Amino acid sequence: MDIEEINFDHDDKNLFFVNDLQIKADAIRHSILPKLEIITNNTISLINNRLDAMLIFK
């Protein structure tokens, strides 16, 4: 999945309203965390690229 394909919808939002903690944790682990991992990795990559570019021109 590319970062452009990621979206958080009402189903993701509603996971936080589930009362059963184990079901909530499992659902968040399988639905939201993979998306957050992609966003985080992409952000880290962008920051690294920016820092590399800054060091080259220093």
N, C-alpha and C. Protein backbone atom coordinates (compact mmCIF):
# COMPACT_ATOMS: atom_id res chain seq x y z
N MET A 1 0.84 -1.18 0.00
CA MET A 1 0.00 0.00 0.00
C MET A 1 0.89 1.24 0.00
N ASP A 2 0.58 2.18 -0.86
CA ASP A 2 1.29 3.46 -0.92
C ASP A 2 0.63 4.45 0.01
N ILE A 3 1.39 5.45 0.40
CA ILE A 3 0.87 6.45 1.33
C ILE A 3 -0.34 7.18 0.73
N GLU A 4 -0.36 7.33 -0.59
CA GLU A 4 -1.47 8.01 -1.23
C GLU A 4 -2.78 7.21 -1.12
N GLU A 5 -2.67 5.92 -0.89
CA GLU A 5 -3.85 5.05 -0.80
C GLU A 5 -4.41 4.97 0.62
N ILE A 6 -3.71 5.51 1.58
CA ILE A 6 -4.13 5.39 2.98
C ILE A 6 -5.22 6.39 3.29
N ASN A 7 -6.25 5.89 3.92
CA ASN A 7 -7.28 6.78 4.45
C ASN A 7 -7.84 6.15 5.73
N PHE A 8 -8.25 6.98 6.61
CA PHE A 8 -8.87 6.53 7.85
C PHE A 8 -10.35 6.88 7.73
N ASP A 9 -11.18 5.84 7.82
CA ASP A 9 -12.61 6.05 7.60
C ASP A 9 -13.39 5.88 8.90
N HIS A 10 -14.69 5.90 8.78
CA HIS A 10 -15.55 5.78 9.97
C HIS A 10 -15.38 4.44 10.65
N ASP A 11 -15.10 3.39 9.89
CA ASP A 11 -14.86 2.09 10.51
C ASP A 11 -13.64 2.14 11.42
N ASP A 12 -12.58 2.82 10.97
CA ASP A 12 -11.39 2.96 11.81
C ASP A 12 -11.73 3.76 13.07
N LYS A 13 -12.45 4.84 12.89
CA LYS A 13 -12.85 5.68 14.04
C LYS A 13 -13.68 4.88 15.04
N ASN A 14 -14.58 4.09 14.53
CA ASN A 14 -15.48 3.34 15.40
C ASN A 14 -14.78 2.25 16.20
N LEU A 15 -13.60 1.85 15.77
CA LEU A 15 -12.85 0.84 16.54
C LEU A 15 -12.57 1.32 17.96
N PHE A 16 -12.44 2.62 18.13
CA PHE A 16 -12.14 3.16 19.46
C PHE A 16 -13.35 3.14 20.40
N PHE A 17 -14.52 2.85 19.85
CA PHE A 17 -15.73 2.79 20.67
C PHE A 17 -16.11 1.36 21.06
N VAL A 18 -15.32 0.38 20.63
CA VAL A 18 -15.59 -1.02 20.99
C VAL A 18 -15.29 -1.19 22.48
N ASN A 19 -16.20 -1.81 23.19
CA ASN A 19 -16.04 -1.96 24.64
C ASN A 19 -15.11 -3.10 25.03
N ASP A 20 -15.09 -4.17 24.24
CA ASP A 20 -14.24 -5.31 24.55
C ASP A 20 -12.79 -4.94 24.21
N LEU A 21 -11.95 -4.85 25.24
CA LEU A 21 -10.58 -4.37 25.04
C LEU A 21 -9.76 -5.27 24.14
N GLN A 22 -9.93 -6.58 24.23
CA GLN A 22 -9.16 -7.49 23.40
C GLN A 22 -9.56 -7.36 21.93
N ILE A 23 -10.85 -7.27 21.68
CA ILE A 23 -11.33 -7.09 20.31
C ILE A 23 -10.86 -5.75 19.77
N LYS A 24 -10.94 -4.71 20.61
CA LYS A 24 -10.49 -3.37 20.19
C LYS A 24 -9.01 -3.39 19.85
N ALA A 25 -8.20 -3.99 20.72
CA ALA A 25 -6.75 -4.04 20.49
C ALA A 25 -6.42 -4.80 19.22
N ASP A 26 -7.05 -5.93 19.01
CA ASP A 26 -6.80 -6.72 17.80
C ASP A 26 -7.22 -5.97 16.55
N ALA A 27 -8.36 -5.32 16.60
CA ALA A 27 -8.85 -4.58 15.44
C ALA A 27 -7.94 -3.40 15.12
N ILE A 28 -7.51 -2.68 16.13
CA ILE A 28 -6.61 -1.55 15.91
C ILE A 28 -5.26 -2.05 15.37
N ARG A 29 -4.80 -3.16 15.93
CA ARG A 29 -3.52 -3.74 15.50
C ARG A 29 -3.55 -4.11 14.02
N HIS A 30 -4.68 -4.58 13.54
CA HIS A 30 -4.77 -5.06 12.16
C HIS A 30 -5.27 -3.99 11.18
N SER A 31 -5.90 -2.96 11.67
CA SER A 31 -6.48 -1.96 10.78
C SER A 31 -5.71 -0.65 10.78
N ILE A 32 -5.45 -0.12 11.94
CA ILE A 32 -4.85 1.21 12.04
C ILE A 32 -3.32 1.18 12.09
N LEU A 33 -2.76 0.27 12.85
CA LEU A 33 -1.31 0.25 12.99
C LEU A 33 -0.55 0.03 11.68
N PRO A 34 -1.01 -0.84 10.79
CA PRO A 34 -0.29 -0.96 9.51
C PRO A 34 -0.28 0.35 8.72
N LYS A 35 -1.37 1.08 8.77
CA LYS A 35 -1.43 2.39 8.09
C LYS A 35 -0.47 3.37 8.73
N LEU A 36 -0.45 3.39 10.06
CA LEU A 36 0.46 4.29 10.77
C LEU A 36 1.91 3.94 10.51
N GLU A 37 2.20 2.65 10.36
CA GLU A 37 3.56 2.23 10.06
C GLU A 37 4.01 2.76 8.70
N ILE A 38 3.14 2.68 7.72
CA ILE A 38 3.46 3.21 6.39
C ILE A 38 3.68 4.71 6.45
N ILE A 39 2.81 5.42 7.15
CA ILE A 39 2.95 6.88 7.27
C ILE A 39 4.25 7.23 7.98
N THR A 40 4.55 6.53 9.06
CA THR A 40 5.77 6.79 9.83
C THR A 40 7.02 6.52 9.00
N ASN A 41 7.04 5.38 8.31
CA ASN A 41 8.21 5.05 7.49
C ASN A 41 8.39 6.05 6.36
N ASN A 42 7.30 6.48 5.77
CA ASN A 42 7.38 7.47 4.70
C ASN A 42 7.91 8.80 5.23
N THR A 43 7.44 9.20 6.39
CA THR A 43 7.88 10.45 7.01
C THR A 43 9.37 10.39 7.34
N ILE A 44 9.81 9.28 7.90
CA ILE A 44 11.23 9.12 8.22
C ILE A 44 12.07 9.20 6.95
N SER A 45 11.61 8.57 5.90
CA SER A 45 12.33 8.61 4.63
C SER A 45 12.42 10.03 4.09
N LEU A 46 11.33 10.77 4.15
CA LEU A 46 11.35 12.16 3.69
C LEU A 46 12.32 13.02 4.51
N ILE A 47 12.31 12.82 5.82
CA ILE A 47 13.22 13.57 6.68
C ILE A 47 14.67 13.21 6.37
N ASN A 48 14.95 11.93 6.20
CA ASN A 48 16.31 11.51 5.86
C ASN A 48 16.77 12.11 4.54
N ASN A 49 15.90 12.10 3.55
CA ASN A 49 16.24 12.68 2.25
C ASN A 49 16.52 14.17 2.38
N ARG A 50 15.72 14.84 3.16
CA ARG A 50 15.89 16.28 3.36
C ARG A 50 17.21 16.57 4.07
N LEU A 51 17.51 15.79 5.10
CA LEU A 51 18.76 15.98 5.82
C LEU A 51 19.96 15.68 4.93
N ASP A 52 19.87 14.62 4.14
CA ASP A 52 20.95 14.31 3.20
C ASP A 52 21.18 15.46 2.23
N ALA A 53 20.11 16.03 1.72
CA ALA A 53 20.23 17.15 0.79
C ALA A 53 20.83 18.36 1.49
N MET A 54 20.48 18.59 2.72
CA MET A 54 21.03 19.72 3.46
C MET A 54 22.53 19.53 3.71
N LEU A 55 22.94 18.31 4.00
CA LEU A 55 24.35 18.05 4.26
C LEU A 55 25.18 18.17 2.99
N ILE A 56 24.61 17.82 1.85
CA ILE A 56 25.33 17.93 0.58
C ILE A 56 25.64 19.38 0.26
N PHE A 57 24.71 20.26 0.53
CA PHE A 57 24.86 21.66 0.18
C PHE A 57 25.50 22.49 1.28
N LYS A 58 25.94 21.86 2.31
CA LYS A 58 26.55 22.58 3.43
C LYS A 58 27.99 22.89 3.17
